[in-house]
Amino acid sequence: EHKTVHTHKIETLKAGRLASLALDFTSRLIEQLGPRLATSESAQKAAEQIEQEYRKFCDQTQSSSVAVDMDIHAFPLKIAPIVYPIILLFLFFGLPYLGFILFALYCYYVYRVMYLYKPFSYKKQKKKQGVNVHGILEPSEEVRQTILFTAHHDSAPLYRYNQLDRLSYAKKVALPVALFGVSGILCFLQVLVELMSRTLLMPNMPSLVLALLHLLLLSCSPFLFSLKHFYHEQASPGAGDNLASVALTVQLSRYFHWKRACGQPLKHTRLYFCSFDAEEYALQGSRAWFQEMAPSLENALVLNFDCLYYADKLTFLEKDVNASVELSSLLARRCVEIARSMGYEAKSESIPRLAGGTDAAEASRAGLQSCTLTSVGWDDRSKPSVYHTKDDVVSAIEVKAIEQAISVGIRLVELSETGQLWEEGLEEPLSEEKLEEEPKLIFSKLTNR
């Protein structure tokens, strides 16, 4: 059944106009709902309004519930003050190998959960319910290609210590991390000494000097309590990260629905427009969605949008999740060619280590070709880095950055529709550049973005 469409003149549906509409929608939702912590009432209401927008332009829409572990990043920090004194007690009572085993297991847990975004699951895990939404626009004839435009509507929890002065930040974050590291190093060194002296499994007590050192470190345990409160209960407004990208997918659905209303429907390309919850919690929303939907999305292309701020920072990611997940370099570099052919400065690179991850990683893990379009200053000096802060508001986003992303998305679909997506011939083709594995960054705050 045909839906009624409020058609506009061609000039009003250019990318610039669509970008303005996207930011208007972003402003309206933030004004109505405020920050949108994953699984919160405001995040669920945002998902509901996003689906309502998709419904205007898509042939079908669907929302799906997703179970979210809200402690996935906080839990490792919460147990650090417990693990630390246990390690030192093992050391004090002559059991350094047990202390080192505990230290190594904890480090592996942190590495897997907070760096690789591969959480463990257990039956008694307390989870809350988030909401993913998507819309589908069908072609008029046989489907030959499926393209997904994805983003996330939840906003990040604020970091409690980001705004403190350097001395306070060192006391609340750097010192606890250093103390924990020292406990593991001492265990390792003591294990080496006892291995060399063949006394590793023999009962022994440390010397008086070492015992005093252990007690001194043990007395520092209260310093680790600050890690339990690293994450604030409040969330960022999340305009650029990442509600504006969701609004962008709405405008892409508007554009292609308008083209259909003008008698120029897509003939062979099926489009998905997706908004995920819980991206800020180790990509749990997109992980659940892609695990469920991947079998029906064989050979689909996924262009994810995340952190769109600066027009001169247009970047397509070839690696994700702290550079540990391979995305589609073929798709990323083709998108760079598309952007350059439209007169935009663009590049492809890996996400920096310690910069976190995006939903494109879960698409890649599900076996789909994917990349993320972003335009952010990853460090805090080349450009103001407002994501994951209270300053992530609409005024921090350059309209041109949204316009560029919309233009690339439209062009990607047009090339797919005409069968030219992988053909040579775009202006200023991307040469064989060496992928910059780890851009040199200077961070002034910790992040798990």
Protein backbone atom coordinates (compact mmCIF):
# COMPACT_ATOMS: atom_id res chain seq x y z
CA GLU A 1 0.00 0.00 0.00
CA HIS A 2 1.43 3.37 -1.01
CA LYS A 3 2.11 5.78 1.80
CA THR A 4 1.32 9.46 1.39
CA VAL A 5 4.47 11.50 0.93
CA HIS A 6 4.98 15.21 1.42
CA THR A 7 6.99 15.81 -1.72
CA HIS A 8 9.27 18.80 -1.99
CA LYS A 9 10.95 20.50 -4.88
CA ILE A 10 14.13 18.87 -6.05
CA GLU A 11 16.36 21.59 -4.64
CA THR A 12 14.98 21.14 -1.13
CA LEU A 13 16.06 17.52 -1.12
CA LYS A 14 19.70 18.16 -1.84
CA ALA A 15 22.19 16.90 0.73
CA GLY A 16 22.50 20.32 2.36
CA ARG A 17 18.79 20.48 3.03
CA LEU A 18 18.75 16.89 4.28
CA ALA A 19 21.65 17.68 6.62
CA SER A 20 19.70 20.58 8.11
CA LEU A 21 16.68 18.33 8.58
CA ALA A 22 18.89 15.75 10.29
CA LEU A 23 20.25 18.28 12.77
CA ASP A 24 16.75 19.65 13.40
CA PHE A 25 15.60 16.13 14.27
CA THR A 26 18.65 15.68 16.50
CA SER A 27 17.95 18.94 18.33
CA ARG A 28 14.31 18.06 18.81
CA LEU A 29 15.01 14.65 20.31
CA ILE A 30 17.70 15.96 22.66
CA GLU A 31 15.42 18.78 23.78
CA GLN A 32 12.58 16.34 24.43
CA LEU A 33 14.49 13.38 25.87
CA GLY A 34 17.90 14.62 26.96
CA PRO A 35 20.77 12.11 27.32
CA ARG A 36 19.93 8.54 26.34
CA LEU A 37 21.83 6.03 28.43
CA ALA A 38 21.40 2.55 26.93
CA THR A 39 18.21 0.75 28.06
CA SER A 40 16.94 3.91 29.78
CA GLU A 41 13.43 5.21 29.29
CA SER A 42 14.77 8.11 27.22
CA ALA A 43 16.68 5.70 24.95
CA GLN A 44 13.56 3.59 24.46
CA LYS A 45 11.46 6.66 23.67
CA ALA A 46 14.13 7.78 21.21
CA ALA A 47 13.99 4.38 19.51
CA GLU A 48 10.21 4.69 19.30
CA GLN A 49 10.41 8.10 17.63
CA ILE A 50 13.13 6.93 15.26
CA GLU A 51 10.96 4.01 14.18
CA GLN A 52 8.06 6.42 13.63
CA GLU A 53 10.30 8.44 11.30
CA TYR A 54 11.42 5.32 9.44
CA ARG A 55 7.79 4.29 9.06
CA LYS A 56 7.07 7.42 7.00
CA PHE A 57 9.55 6.42 4.32
CA CYS A 58 10.11 2.65 4.54
CA ASP A 59 8.01 -0.27 3.35
CA GLN A 60 8.33 -1.98 6.70
CA THR A 61 9.84 -1.26 10.10
CA GLN A 62 10.61 -3.37 13.12
CA SER A 63 11.81 -2.89 16.68
CA SER A 64 13.49 -5.69 18.61
CA SER A 65 14.43 -6.09 22.24
CA VAL A 66 18.06 -6.67 23.20
CA ALA A 67 19.41 -7.81 26.58
CA VAL A 68 22.17 -5.46 27.74
CA ASP A 69 24.72 -5.95 30.50
CA MET A 70 25.02 -2.39 31.83
CA ASP A 71 28.04 -3.27 33.99
CA ILE A 72 30.13 -4.58 31.12
CA HIS A 73 32.71 -1.77 31.34
CA ALA A 74 32.24 -0.81 34.98
CA PHE A 75 32.53 -4.30 36.50
CA PRO A 76 36.27 -4.78 35.80
CA LEU A 77 36.93 -1.46 37.56
CA LYS A 78 34.62 -2.34 40.45
CA ILE A 79 36.45 -5.57 41.25
CA ALA A 80 39.96 -4.10 40.96
CA PRO A 81 39.92 -2.87 44.62
CA ILE A 82 39.10 -6.46 45.65
CA VAL A 83 41.61 -8.24 43.44
CA TYR A 84 44.49 -5.91 44.37
CA PRO A 85 44.75 -6.74 48.11
CA ILE A 86 44.26 -10.46 47.41
CA ILE A 87 47.28 -10.39 45.08
CA LEU A 88 49.36 -8.68 47.76
CA LEU A 89 48.24 -11.14 50.45
CA PHE A 90 49.32 -14.05 48.25
CA LEU A 91 52.67 -12.30 47.86
CA PHE A 92 53.00 -11.61 51.60
CA PHE A 93 52.33 -15.23 52.56
CA GLY A 94 54.87 -16.64 50.13
CA LEU A 95 52.49 -17.61 47.32
CA PRO A 96 53.62 -15.30 44.51
CA TYR A 97 52.62 -17.77 41.78
CA LEU A 98 48.99 -17.63 42.94
CA GLY A 99 49.17 -13.84 43.03
CA PHE A 100 50.59 -13.73 39.52
CA ILE A 101 47.99 -16.18 38.20
CA LEU A 102 45.23 -13.99 39.65
CA PHE A 103 46.85 -10.86 38.18
CA ALA A 104 47.18 -12.50 34.74
CA LEU A 105 43.58 -13.73 34.77
CA TYR A 106 42.31 -10.28 35.68
CA CYS A 107 44.39 -8.64 32.93
CA TYR A 108 43.08 -11.16 30.39
CA TYR A 109 39.52 -10.43 31.51
CA VAL A 110 40.04 -6.68 31.12
CA TYR A 111 41.75 -7.14 27.75
CA ARG A 112 38.96 -9.33 26.40
CA VAL A 113 36.05 -7.23 27.71
CA MET A 114 37.32 -3.66 27.52
CA TYR A 115 39.78 -3.89 24.62
CA LEU A 116 38.47 -6.62 22.31
CA TYR A 117 34.78 -6.14 23.19
CA LYS A 118 34.29 -9.89 23.59
CA PRO A 119 32.41 -10.20 26.87
CA PHE A 120 31.88 -13.40 28.81
CA SER A 121 28.32 -14.60 29.43
CA TYR A 122 27.01 -16.31 32.52
CA LYS A 123 23.54 -17.37 33.59
CA LYS A 124 23.14 -15.06 36.60
CA GLN A 125 24.17 -11.99 34.65
CA LYS A 126 21.80 -9.10 35.36
CA LYS A 127 20.66 -7.53 32.12
CA LYS A 128 18.30 -4.75 31.13
CA GLN A 129 16.29 -4.47 27.94
CA GLY A 130 17.32 -2.12 25.15
CA VAL A 131 15.67 -1.53 21.78
CA ASN A 132 17.02 -1.81 18.23
CA VAL A 133 14.97 -0.47 15.32
CA HIS A 134 15.26 -0.73 11.55
CA GLY A 135 13.35 0.08 8.40
CA ILE A 136 13.50 -1.54 4.96
CA LEU A 137 12.97 0.08 1.56
CA GLU A 138 12.38 -2.51 -1.15
CA PRO A 139 13.35 -2.12 -4.83
CA SER A 140 10.75 -2.33 -7.57
CA GLU A 141 12.33 -5.39 -9.20
CA GLU A 142 14.65 -8.28 -8.32
CA VAL A 143 17.03 -7.65 -5.39
CA ARG A 144 20.65 -7.85 -6.52
CA GLN A 145 22.33 -5.87 -3.75
CA THR A 146 21.50 -5.01 -0.15
CA ILE A 147 23.01 -1.96 1.55
CA LEU A 148 22.67 -1.15 5.24
CA PHE A 149 23.04 2.33 6.72
CA THR A 150 23.56 1.99 10.46
CA ALA A 151 24.09 4.15 13.55
CA HIS A 152 23.29 4.05 17.28
CA HIS A 153 20.92 6.16 19.36
CA ASP A 154 22.27 5.59 22.89
CA SER A 155 24.65 8.12 24.40
CA ALA A 156 27.75 7.46 26.47
CA PRO A 157 27.99 7.65 30.27
CA LEU A 158 30.13 10.55 31.41
CA TYR A 159 33.51 9.92 33.01
CA ARG A 160 33.53 11.20 36.57
CA TYR A 161 37.15 12.36 36.58
CA ASN A 162 37.55 13.88 33.10
CA GLN A 163 37.12 17.46 34.23
CA LEU A 164 39.48 17.28 37.22
CA ASP A 165 42.86 18.95 37.22
CA ARG A 166 45.90 16.87 36.31
CA LEU A 167 46.93 16.24 39.92
CA SER A 168 43.50 14.98 40.92
CA TYR A 169 43.18 12.87 37.78
CA ALA A 170 46.55 11.30 38.50
CA LYS A 171 45.43 10.48 42.03
CA LYS A 172 42.02 9.08 41.04
CA VAL A 173 42.99 7.14 37.91
CA ALA A 174 46.71 6.93 37.12
CA LEU A 175 47.85 6.07 40.66
CA PRO A 176 45.37 3.18 41.14
CA VAL A 177 46.29 1.71 37.75
CA ALA A 178 50.00 2.03 38.58
CA LEU A 179 49.57 0.38 41.99
CA PHE A 180 47.74 -2.54 40.42
CA GLY A 181 50.50 -2.93 37.84
CA VAL A 182 53.19 -2.86 40.54
CA SER A 183 51.47 -5.69 42.42
CA GLY A 184 51.62 -7.89 39.33
CA ILE A 185 55.24 -6.99 38.57
CA LEU A 186 56.31 -7.85 42.13
CA CYS A 187 54.58 -11.23 41.87
CA PHE A 188 56.29 -11.93 38.57
CA LEU A 189 59.74 -10.98 39.90
CA GLN A 190 59.26 -13.08 43.03
CA VAL A 191 58.21 -16.06 40.92
CA LEU A 192 61.41 -15.69 38.85
CA VAL A 193 63.56 -15.52 41.99
CA GLU A 194 61.94 -18.62 43.48
CA LEU A 195 62.19 -20.50 40.19
CA MET A 196 65.91 -19.80 40.05
CA SER A 197 66.37 -20.86 43.66
CA ARG A 198 64.02 -23.84 43.23
CA THR A 199 61.84 -22.75 46.14
CA LEU A 200 58.69 -21.82 44.22
CA LEU A 201 56.40 -24.42 45.82
CA MET A 202 58.07 -24.38 49.22
CA PRO A 203 56.49 -22.45 52.13
CA ASN A 204 58.43 -19.24 52.68
CA MET A 205 57.99 -15.74 54.01
CA PRO A 206 59.41 -12.56 52.48
CA SER A 207 62.32 -10.74 54.01
CA LEU A 208 61.62 -7.91 56.43
CA VAL A 209 62.22 -5.28 53.74
CA LEU A 210 59.89 -6.99 51.27
CA ALA A 211 57.29 -7.58 53.97
CA LEU A 212 57.29 -3.86 54.79
CA LEU A 213 56.99 -3.04 51.08
CA HIS A 214 54.04 -5.41 50.74
CA LEU A 215 52.33 -3.89 53.77
CA LEU A 216 52.93 -0.41 52.40
CA LEU A 217 51.32 -1.37 49.09
CA LEU A 218 48.49 -3.06 50.96
CA SER A 219 47.86 0.14 52.90
CA CYS A 220 47.39 1.89 49.55
CA SER A 221 44.31 -0.24 48.76
CA PRO A 222 41.87 2.64 49.47
CA PHE A 223 43.37 4.53 46.52
CA LEU A 224 41.76 1.98 44.18
CA PHE A 225 38.25 2.71 45.44
CA SER A 226 38.04 5.67 43.05
CA LEU A 227 37.99 3.22 40.11
CA LYS A 228 34.62 1.90 41.32
CA HIS A 229 33.12 5.29 40.51
CA PHE A 230 34.90 5.99 37.22
CA TYR A 231 31.62 6.13 35.30
CA HIS A 232 29.11 8.80 36.20
CA GLU A 233 25.40 8.03 36.52
CA GLN A 234 24.71 10.81 34.01
CA ALA A 235 25.17 10.50 30.26
CA SER A 236 26.40 12.75 27.47
CA PRO A 237 23.80 14.60 25.35
CA GLY A 238 25.16 12.45 22.51
CA ALA A 239 24.45 14.76 19.58
CA GLY A 240 27.47 13.90 17.45
CA ASP A 241 27.92 10.54 19.15
CA ASN A 242 25.64 9.51 17.75
CA LEU A 243 22.10 10.84 17.36
CA ALA A 244 22.99 13.00 14.36
CA SER A 245 24.08 9.86 12.50
CA VAL A 246 20.74 8.21 13.27
CA ALA A 247 18.97 11.32 11.97
CA LEU A 248 21.14 11.04 8.86
CA THR A 249 19.84 7.52 8.19
CA VAL A 250 16.29 8.87 8.51
CA GLN A 251 17.06 11.49 5.87
CA LEU A 252 18.57 8.89 3.57
CA SER A 253 15.32 6.93 3.81
CA ARG A 254 13.43 10.16 3.09
CA TYR A 255 15.54 10.81 -0.01
CA PHE A 256 15.12 7.39 -1.60
CA HIS A 257 11.40 7.33 -0.78
CA TRP A 258 11.08 10.74 -2.43
CA LYS A 259 12.90 9.40 -5.51
CA ARG A 260 10.35 6.61 -5.68
CA ALA A 261 7.50 9.13 -5.39
CA CYS A 262 9.05 11.04 -8.30
CA GLY A 263 8.91 7.91 -10.45
CA GLN A 264 12.56 6.93 -10.01
CA PRO A 265 12.49 4.00 -7.57
CA LEU A 266 15.46 1.79 -6.87
CA LYS A 267 15.17 -1.25 -9.12
CA HIS A 268 17.63 -3.75 -7.70
CA THR A 269 18.96 -2.39 -4.38
CA ARG A 270 17.29 -3.12 -1.06
CA LEU A 271 18.07 -0.61 1.69
CA TYR A 272 18.11 -1.12 5.45
CA PHE A 273 18.18 1.84 7.85
CA CYS A 274 19.18 0.76 11.35
CA SER A 275 19.51 2.38 14.76
CA PHE A 276 21.06 0.30 17.55
CA ASP A 277 21.00 0.57 21.31
CA ALA A 278 23.94 -0.13 23.66
CA GLU A 279 26.76 0.70 21.26
CA GLU A 280 28.42 2.46 24.17
CA TYR A 281 28.34 -0.81 26.12
CA ALA A 282 30.67 -2.93 23.98
CA LEU A 283 28.43 -2.91 20.90
CA GLN A 284 25.85 -5.21 22.52
CA GLY A 285 22.90 -3.86 20.51
CA SER A 286 24.41 -4.33 17.07
CA ARG A 287 25.94 -7.67 18.10
CA ALA A 288 22.51 -9.10 18.89
CA TRP A 289 20.98 -7.61 15.74
CA PHE A 290 23.62 -8.86 13.32
CA GLN A 291 23.74 -12.31 14.91
CA GLU A 292 20.01 -12.61 14.26
CA MET A 293 19.84 -10.95 10.85
CA ALA A 294 23.13 -11.95 9.19
CA PRO A 295 21.79 -15.16 7.57
CA SER A 296 19.31 -13.08 5.56
CA LEU A 297 21.90 -10.44 4.63
CA GLU A 298 24.33 -12.49 2.58
CA ASN A 299 26.67 -10.30 0.48
CA ALA A 300 25.21 -7.11 1.97
CA LEU A 301 27.29 -3.96 2.36
CA VAL A 302 27.22 -2.03 5.63
CA LEU A 303 28.08 1.66 5.89
CA ASN A 304 28.03 2.67 9.54
CA PHE A 305 27.98 6.31 10.65
CA ASP A 306 29.57 7.37 13.92
CA CYS A 307 30.91 10.60 15.42
CA LEU A 308 30.29 13.09 12.61
CA TYR A 309 31.69 16.46 13.64
CA TYR A 310 34.25 18.02 11.28
CA ALA A 311 34.03 18.27 7.48
CA ASP A 312 37.82 18.21 7.08
CA LYS A 313 38.16 14.94 9.04
CA LEU A 314 36.19 12.66 6.71
CA THR A 315 37.53 9.15 7.36
CA PHE A 316 36.52 5.59 6.49
CA LEU A 317 37.70 2.97 8.95
CA GLU A 318 39.48 -0.17 7.77
CA LYS A 319 40.02 -1.56 11.27
CA ASP A 320 37.78 -1.31 14.31
CA VAL A 321 37.65 -2.06 18.05
CA ASN A 322 41.07 -0.73 19.01
CA ALA A 323 42.44 -1.90 15.64
CA SER A 324 41.67 -5.55 16.51
CA VAL A 325 38.82 -6.18 14.01
CA GLU A 326 39.35 -6.09 10.25
CA LEU A 327 36.68 -4.17 8.37
CA SER A 328 36.35 -4.16 4.58
CA SER A 329 39.32 -2.22 3.26
CA LEU A 330 37.84 -2.68 -0.22
CA LEU A 331 34.62 -0.90 0.78
CA ALA A 332 36.42 1.75 2.83
CA ARG A 333 38.79 2.65 0.01
CA ARG A 334 35.98 2.64 -2.53
CA CYS A 335 34.09 5.08 -0.30
CA VAL A 336 37.19 7.27 -0.21
CA GLU A 337 37.21 7.26 -4.02
CA ILE A 338 33.53 8.19 -4.03
CA ALA A 339 34.11 11.04 -1.59
CA ARG A 340 37.10 12.37 -3.51
CA SER A 341 35.21 12.20 -6.80
CA MET A 342 32.65 14.52 -5.19
CA GLY A 343 35.32 17.01 -4.20
CA TYR A 344 35.70 16.01 -0.55
CA GLU A 345 38.97 15.42 1.26
CA ALA A 346 38.85 11.87 2.60
CA LYS A 347 41.10 9.08 3.81
CA SER A 348 40.90 5.54 5.13
CA GLU A 349 42.71 4.34 8.22
CA SER A 350 42.47 2.17 11.30
CA ILE A 351 40.66 3.35 14.38
CA PRO A 352 43.34 4.33 16.92
CA ARG A 353 44.15 1.92 19.71
CA LEU A 354 42.37 2.91 22.95
CA ALA A 355 39.72 4.76 20.92
CA GLY A 356 37.18 1.94 21.32
CA GLY A 357 34.97 0.60 18.56
CA THR A 358 31.94 1.10 16.33
CA ASP A 359 28.99 -1.02 15.23
CA ALA A 360 30.71 -1.84 11.93
CA ALA A 361 32.84 -4.31 13.88
CA GLU A 362 29.82 -6.47 14.68
CA ALA A 363 28.76 -6.46 11.04
CA SER A 364 32.26 -7.62 10.11
CA ARG A 365 32.22 -10.32 12.80
CA ALA A 366 28.93 -11.51 11.28
CA GLY A 367 30.66 -11.96 7.92
CA LEU A 368 29.45 -8.80 6.14
CA GLN A 369 31.51 -6.22 4.25
CA SER A 370 31.41 -3.13 6.43
CA CYS A 371 33.16 0.11 7.25
CA THR A 372 32.47 3.17 9.37
CA LEU A 373 32.28 6.73 8.09
CA THR A 374 33.47 9.12 10.78
CA SER A 375 34.70 12.70 10.92
CA VAL A 376 36.11 13.26 14.38
CA GLY A 377 39.33 14.52 15.92
CA TRP A 378 40.39 11.34 17.71
CA ASP A 379 42.84 13.08 19.99
CA ASP A 380 42.12 16.16 22.08
CA ARG A 381 44.42 18.63 20.35
CA SER A 382 43.99 18.61 16.56
CA LYS A 383 40.26 19.34 17.05
CA PRO A 384 38.08 19.73 20.15
CA SER A 385 37.16 16.21 21.21
CA VAL A 386 33.66 16.56 22.63
CA TYR A 387 32.35 13.01 22.27
CA HIS A 388 31.66 11.32 25.62
CA THR A 389 31.42 14.73 27.31
CA LYS A 390 28.62 17.10 28.32
CA ASP A 391 29.72 19.34 25.42
CA ASP A 392 28.53 16.85 22.78
CA VAL A 393 25.70 19.11 21.60
CA VAL A 394 24.34 19.97 18.16
CA SER A 395 26.34 23.20 17.98
CA ALA A 396 29.54 21.11 18.04
CA ILE A 397 28.60 19.50 14.70
CA GLU A 398 29.47 21.08 11.36
CA VAL A 399 26.50 20.88 8.97
CA LYS A 400 28.96 20.21 6.16
CA ALA A 401 30.09 16.99 7.86
CA ILE A 402 26.52 15.66 7.82
CA GLU A 403 26.04 16.83 4.24
CA GLN A 404 29.16 14.97 3.11
CA ALA A 405 28.05 11.75 4.79
CA ILE A 406 24.61 11.95 3.19
CA SER A 407 26.14 12.62 -0.23
CA VAL A 408 28.47 9.63 0.04
CA GLY A 409 25.59 7.40 1.13
CA ILE A 410 23.43 8.48 -1.81
CA ARG A 411 26.27 8.04 -4.29
CA LEU A 412 27.08 4.59 -2.91
CA VAL A 413 23.52 3.48 -3.61
CA GLU A 414 23.48 5.08 -7.07
CA LEU A 415 26.65 3.24 -8.08
CA SER A 416 25.25 -0.01 -6.74
CA GLU A 417 22.00 0.50 -8.63
CA THR A 418 23.79 1.06 -11.94
CA GLY A 419 26.22 -1.82 -11.41
CA GLN A 420 29.22 0.53 -11.30
CA LEU A 421 30.12 0.23 -7.63
CA TRP A 422 33.32 -1.73 -8.20
CA GLU A 423 34.17 -0.36 -11.64
CA GLU A 424 37.16 1.83 -12.39
CA GLY A 425 36.70 5.38 -13.54
CA LEU A 426 35.92 7.63 -10.60
CA GLU A 427 37.89 10.83 -10.50
CA GLU A 428 40.98 10.94 -8.32
CA PRO A 429 41.12 7.21 -7.56
CA LEU A 430 42.71 6.15 -4.30
CA SER A 431 46.28 5.04 -4.86
CA GLU A 432 47.79 2.10 -3.06
CA GLU A 433 48.44 3.85 0.21
CA LYS A 434 49.89 2.22 3.25
CA LEU A 435 47.23 1.85 5.90
CA GLU A 436 48.09 3.94 8.93
CA GLU A 437 47.80 1.27 11.59
CA GLU A 438 48.05 3.51 14.62
CA PRO A 439 47.66 7.27 14.16
CA LYS A 440 49.82 9.15 16.63
CA LEU A 441 47.55 10.56 19.28
CA ILE A 442 47.84 12.39 22.56
CA PHE A 443 44.93 11.66 24.88
CA SER A 444 44.08 13.82 27.88
CA LYS A 445 41.43 11.42 29.11
CA LEU A 446 40.74 7.71 29.11
CA THR A 447 38.11 6.50 26.70
CA ASN A 448 36.49 3.24 25.69
CA ARG A 449 34.63 4.70 22.70
